[in-house]
C-alpha atoms as a PDB file:
ATOM      1  CA  UNK A   1      51.512  -3.203 -34.465  1.00  0.00           C
ATOM      2  CA  UNK A   2      51.353  -6.879 -33.730  1.00  0.00           C
ATOM      3  CA  UNK A   3      54.170  -9.164 -34.649  1.00  0.00           C
ATOM      4  CA  UNK A   4      53.513 -11.158 -37.777  1.00  0.00           C
ATOM      5  CA  UNK A   5      52.502 -14.680 -36.935  1.00  0.00           C
ATOM      6  CA  UNK A   6      54.786 -17.447 -37.995  1.00  0.00           C
ATOM      7  CA  UNK A   7      53.542 -20.795 -39.242  1.00  0.00           C
ATOM      8  CA  UNK A   8      53.124 -22.047 -35.658  1.00  0.00           C
ATOM      9  CA  UNK A   9      51.036 -19.039 -34.540  1.00  0.00           C
ATOM     10  CA  UNK A  10      48.824 -19.242 -37.592  1.00  0.00           C
ATOM     11  CA  UNK A  11      48.279 -22.934 -36.951  1.00  0.00           C
ATOM     12  CA  UNK A  12      47.114 -22.347 -33.360  1.00  0.00           C
ATOM     13  CA  UNK A  13      44.914 -19.402 -34.304  1.00  0.00           C
ATOM     14  CA  UNK A  14      43.059 -21.520 -36.831  1.00  0.00           C
ATOM     15  CA  UNK A  15      42.768 -24.366 -34.336  1.00  0.00           C
ATOM     16  CA  UNK A  16      41.177 -22.075 -31.712  1.00  0.00           C
ATOM     17  CA  UNK A  17      38.575 -20.437 -33.975  1.00  0.00           C
ATOM     18  CA  UNK A  18      35.918 -22.927 -32.866  1.00  0.00           C
ATOM     19  CA  UNK A  19      36.102 -21.503 -29.338  1.00  0.00           C
ATOM     20  CA  UNK A  20      34.690 -18.185 -30.572  1.00  0.00           C
ATOM     21  CA  UNK A  21      31.689 -19.723 -32.323  1.00  0.00           C
ATOM     22  CA  UNK A  22      28.392 -17.987 -31.296  1.00  0.00           C
ATOM     23  CA  UNK A  23      26.777 -21.272 -30.243  1.00  0.00           C
ATOM     24  CA  UNK A  24      29.572 -21.938 -27.738  1.00  0.00           C
ATOM     25  CA  UNK A  25      29.856 -18.486 -26.241  1.00  0.00           C
ATOM     26  CA  UNK A  26      28.100 -17.760 -22.967  1.00  0.00           C
ATOM     27  CA  UNK A  27      25.446 -15.373 -24.245  1.00  0.00           C
ATOM     28  CA  UNK A  28      22.050 -16.433 -22.918  1.00  0.00           C
ATOM     29  CA  UNK A  29      20.344 -13.306 -24.246  1.00  0.00           C
ATOM     30  CA  UNK A  30      20.876 -14.577 -27.778  1.00  0.00           C
ATOM     31  CA  UNK A  31      19.588 -18.022 -26.867  1.00  0.00           C
ATOM     32  CA  UNK A  32      16.516 -16.675 -25.021  1.00  0.00           C
ATOM     33  CA  UNK A  33      15.824 -13.254 -26.556  1.00  0.00           C
ATOM     34  CA  UNK A  34      12.568 -12.361 -24.774  1.00  0.00           C
ATOM     35  CA  UNK A  35      13.243 -13.852 -21.360  1.00  0.00           C
ATOM     36  CA  UNK A  36      14.358 -10.632 -19.643  1.00  0.00           C
ATOM     37  CA  UNK A  37      11.401  -8.646 -20.934  1.00  0.00           C
ATOM     38  CA  UNK A  38       9.000 -11.440 -19.998  1.00  0.00           C
ATOM     39  CA  UNK A  39      10.325 -11.654 -16.449  1.00  0.00           C
ATOM     40  CA  UNK A  40      10.099  -7.882 -16.047  1.00  0.00           C
ATOM     41  CA  UNK A  41       6.504  -7.837 -17.320  1.00  0.00           C
ATOM     42  CA  UNK A  42       5.557 -10.702 -14.994  1.00  0.00           C
ATOM     43  CA  UNK A  43       7.061  -8.878 -11.989  1.00  0.00           C
ATOM     44  CA  UNK A  44       5.084  -5.733 -12.859  1.00  0.00           C
ATOM     45  CA  UNK A  45       1.955  -7.881 -13.097  1.00  0.00           C
ATOM     46  CA  UNK A  46       2.567  -9.439  -9.675  1.00  0.00           C
ATOM     47  CA  UNK A  47       3.129  -6.058  -8.028  1.00  0.00           C
ATOM     48  CA  UNK A  48       0.028  -4.640  -9.704  1.00  0.00           C
ATOM     49  CA  UNK A  49      -2.050  -7.608  -8.588  1.00  0.00           C
ATOM     50  CA  UNK A  50      -0.907  -7.177  -4.974  1.00  0.00           C
ATOM     51  CA  UNK A  51      -1.749  -3.470  -5.031  1.00  0.00           C
ATOM     52  CA  UNK A  52      -5.144  -4.159  -6.615  1.00  0.00           C
ATOM     53  CA  UNK A  53      -5.991  -6.884  -4.095  1.00  0.00           C
ATOM     54  CA  UNK A  54      -5.099  -4.603  -1.177  1.00  0.00           C
ATOM     55  CA  UNK A  55      -7.207  -1.748  -2.551  1.00  0.00           C
ATOM     56  CA  UNK A  56     -10.233  -3.840  -3.539  1.00  0.00           C
ATOM     57  CA  UNK A  57     -10.406  -6.137  -0.500  1.00  0.00           C
ATOM     58  CA  UNK A  58     -12.769  -5.015   2.261  1.00  0.00           C
ATOM     59  CA  UNK A  59     -11.087  -3.884   5.433  1.00  0.00           C
ATOM     60  CA  UNK A  60     -11.280  -6.002   8.545  1.00  0.00           C
ATOM     61  CA  UNK A  61     -13.084  -3.304  10.570  1.00  0.00           C
ATOM     62  CA  UNK A  62     -16.018  -3.192   8.112  1.00  0.00           C
ATOM     63  CA  UNK A  63     -16.837  -6.834   8.896  1.00  0.00           C
ATOM     64  CA  UNK A  64     -17.203  -6.080  12.623  1.00  0.00           C
ATOM     65  CA  UNK A  65     -19.723  -3.293  12.102  1.00  0.00           C
ATOM     66  CA  UNK A  66     -22.067  -5.275   9.863  1.00  0.00           C
ATOM     67  CA  UNK A  67     -24.955  -7.032  11.586  1.00  0.00           C
ATOM     68  CA  UNK A  68     -26.869  -9.834  10.001  1.00  0.00           C
ATOM     69  CA  UNK A  69     -30.638  -9.729  10.450  1.00  0.00           C
ATOM     70  CA  UNK A  70     -32.357 -13.078  10.212  1.00  0.00           C
END
């Protein structure tokens, strides 16, 4: 068990309570609740867009075999 606090210990404990306030703690996930999920979704979108653009773009060799008739 902890030692009982004397009048001096109680005084300092009350004086330091403001340091544990939720607004002062370093918890960005509470300040920006959807940021992590948004970044993850954006990264998935970017990867999907790169894959789609590589699949849907015509290959370079198909341009060489096409002849234009005027």
